[in-house]
Amino acid sequence: MPIEKYIGIIISIVSLILLMALLFRKREPFFNLREIFKEHFMLFVKCKSQYFVFYILPLFFSVGLSLLFPANADFFSHLGVVLSIILSMMFALIAILCDYDFSKFKDDNQRSNAETSVKQTINAILFCCIIGIALLLEGFIVIAMSGKAIDWIPFNLSVCKTIVSAFSYYLLVVVLLNLLLIIKNVTRIIEASMMIERNNK
């Protein structure tokens, strides 16, 4: 194998590790991924069975699916299109929620509940966006390495492909399940706003 391939592998792995370490450090001043993930997982503190539904069951499903249908470059190409649409919708929803008018809630308790729901929804959207971006990045790497681009690797990559497939399926299922959570929260916010408007008439 050419020496530049070894150098490329080392640089890629080291830079990825450093990037993840910096983004997930405790006091990241610009974009604190640790805080986003921590707040999102706190949603299910009072109902721990939801951790099993949202994160454990998808893992088993993804492993089984990867053994049956390993993800290929075509899968990631189609996934990139779908994720781009989902991400654009999520960013548009964030813009709407950030401009939400809490002054319509005269009752302090209702206003506090509405603020909590909006904050949780925005955090869930950010969580999905982060996972979606990670999936897009992974997809670009897989597409770039497809075909003859990895013929220089001197060993069988079937196990690695299965692991990558399982990881990709897992992230995708987690995103889809959390989209249901976002839809539920947005529905609650809309219903609360409609109820307040009816009461104010």
N, C-alpha and C. Protein backbone atom coordinates (compact mmCIF):
# COMPACT_ATOMS: atom_id res chain seq x y z
N MET A 1 0.84 -1.20 0.00
CA MET A 1 0.00 0.00 0.00
C MET A 1 0.88 1.25 0.00
N PRO A 2 0.59 2.26 -0.84
CA PRO A 2 1.40 3.47 -0.89
C PRO A 2 1.44 4.19 0.45
N ILE A 3 2.58 4.84 0.72
CA ILE A 3 2.78 5.50 2.01
C ILE A 3 1.76 6.62 2.24
N GLU A 4 1.33 7.29 1.13
CA GLU A 4 0.37 8.40 1.31
C GLU A 4 -0.97 7.90 1.82
N LYS A 5 -1.30 6.63 1.56
CA LYS A 5 -2.55 6.08 2.07
C LYS A 5 -2.49 5.95 3.59
N TYR A 6 -1.34 5.47 4.10
CA TYR A 6 -1.15 5.38 5.55
C TYR A 6 -1.24 6.77 6.19
N ILE A 7 -0.58 7.73 5.57
CA ILE A 7 -0.60 9.10 6.10
C ILE A 7 -2.02 9.65 6.10
N GLY A 8 -2.76 9.40 5.02
CA GLY A 8 -4.14 9.87 4.93
C GLY A 8 -5.02 9.27 6.01
N ILE A 9 -4.86 7.96 6.27
CA ILE A 9 -5.65 7.29 7.31
C ILE A 9 -5.35 7.89 8.68
N ILE A 10 -4.06 8.07 8.98
CA ILE A 10 -3.65 8.60 10.28
C ILE A 10 -4.18 10.02 10.48
N ILE A 11 -4.01 10.87 9.46
CA ILE A 11 -4.48 12.26 9.57
C ILE A 11 -6.00 12.31 9.76
N SER A 12 -6.73 11.49 9.00
CA SER A 12 -8.19 11.48 9.09
C SER A 12 -8.67 11.04 10.47
N ILE A 13 -8.09 9.96 10.99
CA ILE A 13 -8.51 9.44 12.29
C ILE A 13 -8.18 10.42 13.41
N VAL A 14 -6.95 10.96 13.40
CA VAL A 14 -6.53 11.89 14.45
C VAL A 14 -7.38 13.15 14.43
N SER A 15 -7.62 13.70 13.23
CA SER A 15 -8.41 14.93 13.13
C SER A 15 -9.85 14.70 13.56
N LEU A 16 -10.41 13.52 13.24
CA LEU A 16 -11.78 13.21 13.65
C LEU A 16 -11.89 13.10 15.16
N ILE A 17 -10.91 12.43 15.78
CA ILE A 17 -10.90 12.30 17.25
C ILE A 17 -10.79 13.67 17.92
N LEU A 18 -9.90 14.51 17.41
CA LEU A 18 -9.73 15.86 17.97
C LEU A 18 -11.00 16.69 17.80
N LEU A 19 -11.62 16.58 16.63
CA LEU A 19 -12.86 17.33 16.37
C LEU A 19 -13.95 16.93 17.35
N MET A 20 -14.14 15.62 17.55
CA MET A 20 -15.17 15.15 18.47
C MET A 20 -14.86 15.56 19.91
N ALA A 21 -13.58 15.48 20.29
CA ALA A 21 -13.19 15.87 21.65
C ALA A 21 -13.45 17.35 21.90
N LEU A 22 -13.17 18.19 20.91
CA LEU A 22 -13.38 19.63 21.08
C LEU A 22 -14.86 19.99 21.09
N LEU A 23 -15.64 19.35 20.23
CA LEU A 23 -17.07 19.66 20.17
C LEU A 23 -17.83 19.17 21.40
N PHE A 24 -17.34 18.09 22.03
CA PHE A 24 -18.03 17.52 23.18
C PHE A 24 -17.39 17.89 24.51
N ARG A 25 -16.45 18.84 24.50
CA ARG A 25 -15.86 19.24 25.78
C ARG A 25 -16.89 20.01 26.61
N LYS A 26 -16.66 20.10 27.92
CA LYS A 26 -17.67 20.61 28.84
C LYS A 26 -18.03 22.07 28.58
N ARG A 27 -17.04 22.91 28.39
CA ARG A 27 -17.31 24.34 28.27
C ARG A 27 -16.93 24.85 26.88
N GLU A 28 -17.54 24.25 25.88
CA GLU A 28 -17.35 24.72 24.51
C GLU A 28 -18.09 26.05 24.34
N PRO A 29 -17.39 27.16 24.04
CA PRO A 29 -18.03 28.49 24.05
C PRO A 29 -18.99 28.74 22.90
N PHE A 30 -18.86 28.03 21.77
CA PHE A 30 -19.66 28.36 20.60
C PHE A 30 -20.80 27.38 20.36
N PHE A 31 -20.50 26.09 20.33
CA PHE A 31 -21.53 25.10 20.02
C PHE A 31 -21.33 23.89 20.91
N ASN A 32 -22.06 23.86 22.02
CA ASN A 32 -21.85 22.84 23.04
C ASN A 32 -22.71 21.60 22.75
N LEU A 33 -22.12 20.64 22.04
CA LEU A 33 -22.86 19.42 21.72
C LEU A 33 -23.19 18.61 22.96
N ARG A 34 -22.29 18.63 23.93
CA ARG A 34 -22.51 17.88 25.17
C ARG A 34 -23.80 18.33 25.85
N GLU A 35 -24.01 19.64 25.91
CA GLU A 35 -25.20 20.18 26.57
C GLU A 35 -26.47 19.83 25.80
N ILE A 36 -26.40 19.86 24.47
CA ILE A 36 -27.57 19.51 23.65
C ILE A 36 -27.97 18.06 23.89
N PHE A 37 -26.99 17.15 23.87
CA PHE A 37 -27.28 15.73 24.08
C PHE A 37 -27.77 15.49 25.51
N LYS A 38 -27.15 16.16 26.48
CA LYS A 38 -27.54 15.97 27.88
C LYS A 38 -28.99 16.40 28.11
N GLU A 39 -29.35 17.58 27.60
CA GLU A 39 -30.72 18.08 27.77
C GLU A 39 -31.73 17.20 27.04
N HIS A 40 -31.32 16.68 25.89
CA HIS A 40 -32.25 15.83 25.14
C HIS A 40 -32.53 14.52 25.88
N PHE A 41 -31.49 13.91 26.42
CA PHE A 41 -31.68 12.64 27.13
C PHE A 41 -32.43 12.84 28.44
N MET A 42 -32.43 14.08 28.97
CA MET A 42 -33.18 14.36 30.20
C MET A 42 -34.69 14.34 29.98
N LEU A 43 -35.12 14.34 28.72
CA LEU A 43 -36.55 14.32 28.42
C LEU A 43 -37.23 13.09 29.01
N PHE A 44 -36.49 11.97 29.07
CA PHE A 44 -37.10 10.70 29.47
C PHE A 44 -36.73 10.30 30.89
N VAL A 45 -36.27 11.27 31.69
CA VAL A 45 -35.85 10.95 33.05
C VAL A 45 -37.01 10.40 33.88
N LYS A 46 -38.21 10.93 33.66
CA LYS A 46 -39.37 10.49 34.44
C LYS A 46 -40.05 9.27 33.84
N CYS A 47 -39.58 8.84 32.69
CA CYS A 47 -40.16 7.65 32.03
C CYS A 47 -39.02 6.89 31.35
N LYS A 48 -38.26 6.16 32.16
CA LYS A 48 -37.04 5.54 31.67
C LYS A 48 -37.29 4.45 30.62
N SER A 49 -38.51 3.93 30.56
CA SER A 49 -38.81 2.91 29.56
C SER A 49 -38.68 3.46 28.14
N GLN A 50 -38.80 4.79 28.00
CA GLN A 50 -38.68 5.40 26.67
C GLN A 50 -37.25 5.32 26.13
N TYR A 51 -36.27 5.22 27.02
CA TYR A 51 -34.89 5.02 26.56
C TYR A 51 -34.79 3.72 25.77
N PHE A 52 -35.50 2.70 26.25
CA PHE A 52 -35.50 1.40 25.58
C PHE A 52 -36.15 1.51 24.21
N VAL A 53 -37.26 2.26 24.14
CA VAL A 53 -38.00 2.40 22.88
C VAL A 53 -37.21 3.23 21.87
N PHE A 54 -36.62 4.32 22.33
CA PHE A 54 -35.99 5.27 21.41
C PHE A 54 -34.54 4.92 21.07
N TYR A 55 -33.85 4.17 21.94
CA TYR A 55 -32.42 3.99 21.71
C TYR A 55 -31.92 2.54 21.76
N ILE A 56 -32.58 1.67 22.53
CA ILE A 56 -32.10 0.29 22.64
C ILE A 56 -32.71 -0.59 21.55
N LEU A 57 -34.03 -0.56 21.39
CA LEU A 57 -34.67 -1.35 20.34
C LEU A 57 -34.17 -1.00 18.94
N PRO A 58 -33.99 0.29 18.62
CA PRO A 58 -33.43 0.61 17.29
C PRO A 58 -32.06 0.00 17.05
N LEU A 59 -31.29 -0.20 18.12
CA LEU A 59 -29.97 -0.81 17.97
C LEU A 59 -30.09 -2.25 17.49
N PHE A 60 -30.98 -3.03 18.12
CA PHE A 60 -31.18 -4.42 17.69
C PHE A 60 -31.74 -4.48 16.27
N PHE A 61 -32.69 -3.59 15.98
CA PHE A 61 -33.28 -3.54 14.65
C PHE A 61 -32.22 -3.23 13.60
N SER A 62 -31.34 -2.30 13.91
CA SER A 62 -30.31 -1.87 12.95
C SER A 62 -29.28 -2.96 12.70
N VAL A 63 -28.91 -3.68 13.76
CA VAL A 63 -27.95 -4.78 13.59
C VAL A 63 -28.54 -5.86 12.70
N GLY A 64 -29.80 -6.23 12.97
CA GLY A 64 -30.45 -7.24 12.13
C GLY A 64 -30.58 -6.80 10.69
N LEU A 65 -30.94 -5.53 10.49
CA LEU A 65 -31.10 -5.01 9.13
C LEU A 65 -29.78 -4.97 8.38
N SER A 66 -28.70 -4.64 9.11
CA SER A 66 -27.39 -4.57 8.45
C SER A 66 -26.89 -5.95 8.02
N LEU A 67 -27.28 -6.98 8.77
CA LEU A 67 -26.90 -8.35 8.39
C LEU A 67 -27.67 -8.81 7.15
N LEU A 68 -28.89 -8.30 7.00
CA LEU A 68 -29.71 -8.67 5.84
C LEU A 68 -29.38 -7.82 4.61
N PHE A 69 -29.28 -6.51 4.82
CA PHE A 69 -29.09 -5.57 3.70
C PHE A 69 -28.01 -4.55 4.04
N PRO A 70 -26.75 -4.87 3.78
CA PRO A 70 -25.68 -3.89 4.04
C PRO A 70 -25.89 -2.63 3.21
N ALA A 71 -25.69 -1.48 3.83
CA ALA A 71 -25.86 -0.21 3.13
C ALA A 71 -24.75 -0.02 2.10
N ASN A 72 -25.12 0.50 0.93
CA ASN A 72 -24.13 0.74 -0.12
C ASN A 72 -24.17 2.21 -0.53
N ALA A 73 -23.41 2.55 -1.57
CA ALA A 73 -23.32 3.94 -2.02
C ALA A 73 -24.67 4.47 -2.48
N ASP A 74 -25.48 3.62 -3.13
CA ASP A 74 -26.81 4.05 -3.59
C ASP A 74 -27.70 4.43 -2.41
N PHE A 75 -27.62 3.63 -1.34
CA PHE A 75 -28.40 3.93 -0.14
C PHE A 75 -28.05 5.31 0.40
N PHE A 76 -26.75 5.59 0.49
CA PHE A 76 -26.32 6.87 1.05
C PHE A 76 -26.64 8.03 0.10
N SER A 77 -26.66 7.78 -1.19
CA SER A 77 -27.04 8.83 -2.14
C SER A 77 -28.50 9.24 -1.93
N HIS A 78 -29.39 8.24 -1.82
CA HIS A 78 -30.81 8.53 -1.58
C HIS A 78 -31.01 9.12 -0.19
N LEU A 79 -30.25 8.61 0.77
CA LEU A 79 -30.37 9.11 2.14
C LEU A 79 -29.97 10.58 2.21
N GLY A 80 -28.96 10.96 1.44
CA GLY A 80 -28.52 12.35 1.43
C GLY A 80 -29.63 13.29 0.98
N VAL A 81 -30.39 12.88 -0.03
CA VAL A 81 -31.51 13.70 -0.52
C VAL A 81 -32.58 13.83 0.56
N VAL A 82 -32.94 12.70 1.18
CA VAL A 82 -33.98 12.71 2.21
C VAL A 82 -33.55 13.56 3.41
N LEU A 83 -32.30 13.38 3.85
CA LEU A 83 -31.81 14.13 5.00
C LEU A 83 -31.75 15.62 4.71
N SER A 84 -31.40 15.98 3.50
CA SER A 84 -31.35 17.41 3.13
C SER A 84 -32.72 18.05 3.27
N ILE A 85 -33.76 17.32 2.84
CA ILE A 85 -35.13 17.83 2.97
C ILE A 85 -35.53 17.94 4.44
N ILE A 86 -35.22 16.89 5.21
CA ILE A 86 -35.57 16.90 6.64
C ILE A 86 -34.85 18.03 7.36
N LEU A 87 -33.56 18.21 7.09
CA LEU A 87 -32.79 19.26 7.76
C LEU A 87 -33.32 20.64 7.43
N SER A 88 -33.68 20.87 6.17
CA SER A 88 -34.22 22.18 5.79
C SER A 88 -35.54 22.45 6.52
N MET A 89 -36.37 21.41 6.67
CA MET A 89 -37.62 21.56 7.41
C MET A 89 -37.36 21.85 8.88
N MET A 90 -36.36 21.17 9.46
CA MET A 90 -36.04 21.38 10.86
C MET A 90 -35.53 22.79 11.12
N PHE A 91 -34.67 23.29 10.24
CA PHE A 91 -34.16 24.65 10.41
C PHE A 91 -35.28 25.68 10.27
N ALA A 92 -36.21 25.44 9.35
CA ALA A 92 -37.36 26.34 9.20
C ALA A 92 -38.22 26.32 10.46
N LEU A 93 -38.38 25.14 11.05
CA LEU A 93 -39.19 25.01 12.27
C LEU A 93 -38.52 25.73 13.44
N ILE A 94 -37.18 25.66 13.51
CA ILE A 94 -36.46 26.38 14.56
C ILE A 94 -36.72 27.88 14.44
N ALA A 95 -36.67 28.39 13.21
CA ALA A 95 -36.91 29.82 12.98
C ALA A 95 -38.30 30.23 13.46
N ILE A 96 -39.29 29.37 13.23
CA ILE A 96 -40.66 29.66 13.67
C ILE A 96 -40.76 29.64 15.19
N LEU A 97 -40.17 28.62 15.82
CA LEU A 97 -40.26 28.47 17.27
C LEU A 97 -39.49 29.57 18.01
N CYS A 98 -38.37 30.01 17.43
CA CYS A 98 -37.59 31.08 18.08
C CYS A 98 -38.36 32.39 18.10
N ASP A 99 -39.31 32.55 17.19
CA ASP A 99 -40.12 33.77 17.12
C ASP A 99 -41.48 33.59 17.81
N TYR A 100 -41.60 32.54 18.62
CA TYR A 100 -42.88 32.24 19.26
C TYR A 100 -43.23 33.31 20.29
N ASP A 101 -44.47 33.75 20.30
CA ASP A 101 -44.93 34.81 21.19
C ASP A 101 -45.52 34.21 22.47
N PHE A 102 -44.79 34.39 23.59
CA PHE A 102 -45.25 33.85 24.87
C PHE A 102 -46.14 34.84 25.62
N SER A 103 -46.24 36.07 25.12
CA SER A 103 -47.02 37.09 25.83
C SER A 103 -48.52 36.78 25.82
N LYS A 104 -48.95 35.92 24.90
CA LYS A 104 -50.37 35.56 24.83
C LYS A 104 -50.81 34.74 26.04
N PHE A 105 -49.84 34.14 26.75
CA PHE A 105 -50.17 33.34 27.94
C PHE A 105 -50.21 34.27 29.15
N LYS A 106 -51.39 34.54 29.67
CA LYS A 106 -51.53 35.43 30.82
C LYS A 106 -51.16 34.72 32.12
N ASP A 107 -51.44 33.43 32.17
CA ASP A 107 -51.13 32.65 33.37
C ASP A 107 -49.65 32.28 33.38
N ASP A 108 -48.99 32.53 34.51
CA ASP A 108 -47.54 32.27 34.62
C ASP A 108 -47.22 30.79 34.45
N ASN A 109 -48.08 29.93 34.99
CA ASN A 109 -47.85 28.49 34.89
C ASN A 109 -47.95 28.02 33.43
N GLN A 110 -48.95 28.52 32.71
CA GLN A 110 -49.10 28.16 31.30
C GLN A 110 -47.93 28.68 30.47
N ARG A 111 -47.48 29.91 30.79
CA ARG A 111 -46.35 30.48 30.07
C ARG A 111 -45.09 29.66 30.31
N SER A 112 -44.90 29.24 31.55
CA SER A 112 -43.72 28.43 31.89
C SER A 112 -43.75 27.08 31.16
N ASN A 113 -44.93 26.45 31.12
CA ASN A 113 -45.07 25.18 30.40
C ASN A 113 -44.82 25.34 28.91
N ALA A 114 -45.31 26.45 28.35
CA ALA A 114 -45.10 26.70 26.92
C ALA A 114 -43.62 26.93 26.62
N GLU A 115 -42.94 27.69 27.48
CA GLU A 115 -41.51 27.94 27.30
C GLU A 115 -40.71 26.64 27.38
N THR A 116 -41.10 25.77 28.33
CA THR A 116 -40.42 24.48 28.47
C THR A 116 -40.63 23.61 27.23
N SER A 117 -41.87 23.57 26.73
CA SER A 117 -42.17 22.77 25.53
C SER A 117 -41.40 23.26 24.32
N VAL A 118 -41.35 24.58 24.14
CA VAL A 118 -40.63 25.15 23.00
C VAL A 118 -39.13 24.86 23.12
N LYS A 119 -38.59 25.02 24.33
CA LYS A 119 -37.17 24.76 24.53
C LYS A 119 -36.83 23.30 24.25
N GLN A 120 -37.67 22.38 24.76
CA GLN A 120 -37.44 20.95 24.53
C GLN A 120 -37.54 20.60 23.05
N THR A 121 -38.48 21.24 22.36
CA THR A 121 -38.65 20.98 20.92
C THR A 121 -37.45 21.47 20.13
N ILE A 122 -36.98 22.67 20.44
CA ILE A 122 -35.80 23.21 19.75
C ILE A 122 -34.59 22.33 20.00
N ASN A 123 -34.44 21.86 21.25
CA ASN A 123 -33.30 21.01 21.57
C ASN A 123 -33.39 19.67 20.84
N ALA A 124 -34.62 19.11 20.73
CA ALA A 124 -34.80 17.86 19.98
C ALA A 124 -34.49 18.05 18.50
N ILE A 125 -34.86 19.22 17.96
CA ILE A 125 -34.55 19.52 16.56
C ILE A 125 -33.04 19.60 16.36
N LEU A 126 -32.35 20.29 17.27
CA LEU A 126 -30.89 20.38 17.18
C LEU A 126 -30.25 19.00 17.27
N PHE A 127 -30.78 18.15 18.15
CA PHE A 127 -30.29 16.78 18.29
C PHE A 127 -30.42 16.03 16.97
N CYS A 128 -31.60 16.13 16.34
CA CYS A 128 -31.82 15.46 15.05
C CYS A 128 -30.92 16.03 13.96
N CYS A 129 -30.72 17.34 13.98
CA CYS A 129 -29.87 17.98 12.97
C CYS A 129 -28.43 17.52 13.09
N ILE A 130 -27.94 17.40 14.33
CA ILE A 130 -26.57 16.94 14.55
C ILE A 130 -26.39 15.52 14.02
N ILE A 131 -27.33 14.64 14.36
CA ILE A 131 -27.25 13.26 13.88
C ILE A 131 -27.38 13.22 12.36
N GLY A 132 -28.27 14.04 11.81
CA GLY A 132 -28.44 14.09 10.36
C GLY A 132 -27.18 14.55 9.65
N ILE A 133 -26.50 15.55 10.20
CA ILE A 133 -25.25 16.03 9.61
C ILE A 133 -24.17 14.96 9.70
N ALA A 134 -24.13 14.24 10.84
CA ALA A 134 -23.17 13.14 10.98
C ALA A 134 -23.43 12.05 9.94
N LEU A 135 -24.70 11.76 9.70
CA LEU A 135 -25.06 10.76 8.68
C LEU A 135 -24.66 11.22 7.29
N LEU A 136 -24.86 12.51 6.99
CA LEU A 136 -24.46 13.04 5.69
C LEU A 136 -22.95 12.92 5.50
N LEU A 137 -22.20 13.27 6.54
CA LEU A 137 -20.74 13.17 6.47
C LEU A 137 -20.30 11.73 6.26
N GLU A 138 -20.92 10.82 7.01
CA GLU A 138 -20.60 9.40 6.84
C GLU A 138 -20.95 8.93 5.43
N GLY A 139 -22.08 9.39 4.92
CA GLY A 139 -22.49 9.01 3.57
C GLY A 139 -21.52 9.49 2.51
N PHE A 140 -21.01 10.72 2.65
CA PHE A 140 -20.03 11.25 1.70
C PHE A 140 -18.76 10.40 1.71
N ILE A 141 -18.35 9.98 2.91
CA ILE A 141 -17.14 9.16 3.02
C ILE A 141 -17.35 7.80 2.36
N VAL A 142 -18.51 7.18 2.63
CA VAL A 142 -18.80 5.87 2.04
C VAL A 142 -18.88 5.95 0.52
N ILE A 143 -19.54 7.00 0.01
CA ILE A 143 -19.64 7.16 -1.45
C ILE A 143 -18.26 7.37 -2.06
N ALA A 144 -17.42 8.17 -1.39
CA ALA A 144 -16.07 8.42 -1.90
C ALA A 144 -15.22 7.15 -1.90
N MET A 145 -15.50 6.25 -0.94
CA MET A 145 -14.70 5.03 -0.82
C MET A 145 -15.31 3.84 -1.55
N SER A 146 -16.41 4.06 -2.25
CA SER A 146 -17.06 2.94 -2.93
C SER A 146 -16.32 2.54 -4.20
N GLY A 147 -16.63 1.36 -4.67
CA GLY A 147 -16.02 0.88 -5.93
C GLY A 147 -14.55 0.56 -5.78
N LYS A 148 -13.77 1.02 -6.74
CA LYS A 148 -12.34 0.70 -6.76
C LYS A 148 -11.50 1.62 -5.88
N ALA A 149 -12.16 2.57 -5.23
CA ALA A 149 -11.42 3.52 -4.41
C ALA A 149 -10.77 2.87 -3.20
N ILE A 150 -11.25 1.67 -2.81
CA ILE A 150 -10.68 1.00 -1.63
C ILE A 150 -10.01 -0.32 -2.00
N ASP A 151 -9.69 -0.50 -3.27
CA ASP A 151 -9.05 -1.75 -3.69
C ASP A 151 -7.66 -1.92 -3.09
N TRP A 152 -7.06 -0.81 -2.67
CA TRP A 152 -5.70 -0.87 -2.12
C TRP A 152 -5.66 -1.46 -0.71
N ILE A 153 -6.84 -1.56 -0.03
CA ILE A 153 -6.86 -2.11 1.33
C ILE A 153 -6.65 -3.62 1.25
N PRO A 154 -5.65 -4.15 1.99
CA PRO A 154 -5.23 -5.54 1.79
C PRO A 154 -6.03 -6.59 2.56
N PHE A 155 -7.20 -6.24 3.10
CA PHE A 155 -7.98 -7.25 3.83
C PHE A 155 -9.46 -7.08 3.53
N ASN A 156 -10.23 -8.11 3.92
CA ASN A 156 -11.67 -8.13 3.64
C ASN A 156 -12.41 -7.12 4.52
N LEU A 157 -13.24 -6.30 3.89
CA LEU A 157 -13.94 -5.23 4.61
C LEU A 157 -15.40 -5.56 4.89
N SER A 158 -15.80 -6.81 4.73
CA SER A 158 -17.21 -7.17 4.91
C SER A 158 -17.70 -6.87 6.33
N VAL A 159 -16.86 -7.16 7.33
CA VAL A 159 -17.24 -6.89 8.72
C VAL A 159 -17.37 -5.39 8.95
N CYS A 160 -16.41 -4.63 8.43
CA CYS A 160 -16.46 -3.17 8.57
C CYS A 160 -17.70 -2.59 7.90
N LYS A 161 -18.05 -3.13 6.73
CA LYS A 161 -19.23 -2.65 6.02
C LYS A 161 -20.50 -2.93 6.82
N THR A 162 -20.54 -4.10 7.47
CA THR A 162 -21.71 -4.44 8.30
C THR A 162 -21.82 -3.49 9.49
N ILE A 163 -20.68 -3.18 10.11
CA ILE A 163 -20.68 -2.26 11.26
C ILE A 163 -21.12 -0.86 10.83
N VAL A 164 -20.59 -0.39 9.71
CA VAL A 164 -20.97 0.93 9.19
C VAL A 164 -22.46 0.96 8.85
N SER A 165 -22.95 -0.12 8.26
CA SER A 165 -24.37 -0.21 7.91
C SER A 165 -25.24 -0.16 9.16
N ALA A 166 -24.86 -0.94 10.18
CA ALA A 166 -25.63 -0.96 11.42
C ALA A 166 -25.64 0.41 12.08
N PHE A 167 -24.49 1.07 12.09
CA PHE A 167 -24.39 2.40 12.68
C PHE A 167 -25.27 3.40 11.92
N SER A 168 -25.24 3.32 10.60
CA SER A 168 -26.04 4.24 9.77
C SER A 168 -27.53 4.00 9.97
N TYR A 169 -27.94 2.73 9.94
CA TYR A 169 -29.35 2.41 10.16
C TYR A 169 -29.81 2.88 11.54
N TYR A 170 -28.94 2.70 12.53
CA TYR A 170 -29.28 3.09 13.90
C TYR A 170 -29.52 4.59 13.99
N LEU A 171 -28.60 5.38 13.45
CA LEU A 171 -28.75 6.83 13.49
C LEU A 171 -30.01 7.27 12.75
N LEU A 172 -30.28 6.63 11.62
CA LEU A 172 -31.47 6.99 10.84
C LEU A 172 -32.75 6.70 11.61
N VAL A 173 -32.83 5.53 12.24
CA VAL A 173 -34.03 5.17 13.01
C VAL A 173 -34.20 6.12 14.19
N VAL A 174 -33.10 6.47 14.86
CA VAL A 174 -33.16 7.41 15.99
C VAL A 174 -33.70 8.76 15.52
N VAL A 175 -33.23 9.23 14.38
CA VAL A 175 -33.72 10.50 13.83
C VAL A 175 -35.22 10.42 13.56
N LEU A 176 -35.67 9.34 12.93
CA LEU A 176 -37.09 9.20 12.59
C LEU A 176 -37.97 9.13 13.84
N LEU A 177 -37.51 8.40 14.86
CA LEU A 177 -38.29 8.31 16.10
C LEU A 177 -38.35 9.67 16.80
N ASN A 178 -37.25 10.39 16.77
CA ASN A 178 -37.24 11.71 17.41
C ASN A 178 -38.06 12.73 16.62
N LEU A 179 -38.21 12.50 15.32
CA LEU A 179 -39.11 13.35 14.54
C LEU A 179 -40.55 13.22 15.04
N LEU A 180 -40.93 11.99 15.42
CA LEU A 180 -42.27 11.79 16.00
C LEU A 180 -42.42 12.57 17.29
N LEU A 181 -41.35 12.60 18.09
CA LEU A 181 -41.36 13.36 19.34
C LEU A 181 -41.51 14.86 19.06
N ILE A 182 -40.80 15.34 18.04
CA ILE A 182 -40.89 16.75 17.66
C ILE A 182 -42.30 17.10 17.20
N ILE A 183 -42.87 16.23 16.37
CA ILE A 183 -44.24 16.46 15.88
C ILE A 183 -45.23 16.52 17.04
N LYS A 184 -45.05 15.62 18.01
CA LYS A 184 -45.93 15.62 19.18
C LYS A 184 -45.82 16.93 19.95
N ASN A 185 -44.59 17.40 20.18
CA ASN A 185 -44.40 18.64 20.93
C ASN A 185 -44.95 19.85 20.17
N VAL A 186 -44.72 19.88 18.86
CA VAL A 186 -45.24 21.00 18.05
C VAL A 186 -46.76 21.00 18.08
N THR A 187 -47.36 19.82 18.04
CA THR A 187 -48.82 19.72 18.11
C THR A 187 -49.34 20.26 19.44
N ARG A 188 -48.65 19.94 20.52
CA ARG A 188 -49.05 20.45 21.84
C ARG A 188 -48.95 21.96 21.90
N ILE A 189 -47.89 22.51 21.31
CA ILE A 189 -47.70 23.97 21.31
C ILE A 189 -48.81 24.65 20.51
N ILE A 190 -49.14 24.08 19.35
CA ILE A 190 -50.20 24.65 18.51
C ILE A 190 -51.55 24.57 19.22
N GLU A 191 -51.83 23.43 19.85
CA GLU A 191 -53.10 23.27 20.56
C GLU A 191 -53.21 24.26 21.72
N ALA A 192 -52.10 24.47 22.44
CA ALA A 192 -52.11 25.43 23.55
C ALA A 192 -52.37 26.85 23.04
N SER A 193 -51.75 27.20 21.91
CA SER A 193 -51.96 28.53 21.33
C SER A 193 -53.40 28.72 20.88
N MET A 194 -53.97 27.69 20.26
CA MET A 194 -55.36 27.78 19.80
C MET A 194 -56.32 27.91 20.99
N MET A 195 -56.02 27.20 22.07
CA MET A 195 -56.88 27.27 23.25
C MET A 195 -56.83 28.66 23.87
N ILE A 196 -55.63 29.25 23.93
CA ILE A 196 -55.49 30.59 24.49
C ILE A 196 -56.23 31.62 23.63
N GLU A 197 -56.11 31.48 22.32
CA GLU A 197 -56.79 32.42 21.42
C GLU A 197 -58.31 32.32 21.56
N ARG A 198 -58.82 31.09 21.74
CA ARG A 198 -60.26 30.92 21.94
C ARG A 198 -60.72 31.56 23.25
N ASN A 199 -59.90 31.39 24.29
CA ASN A 199 -60.26 31.94 25.60
C ASN A 199 -60.19 33.46 25.62
N ASN A 200 -59.32 34.03 24.80
CA ASN A 200 -59.17 35.49 24.78
C ASN A 200 -60.24 36.19 23.97
N LYS A 201 -61.01 35.41 23.18
CA LYS A 201 -62.06 36.03 22.36
C LYS A 201 -63.28 36.38 23.21
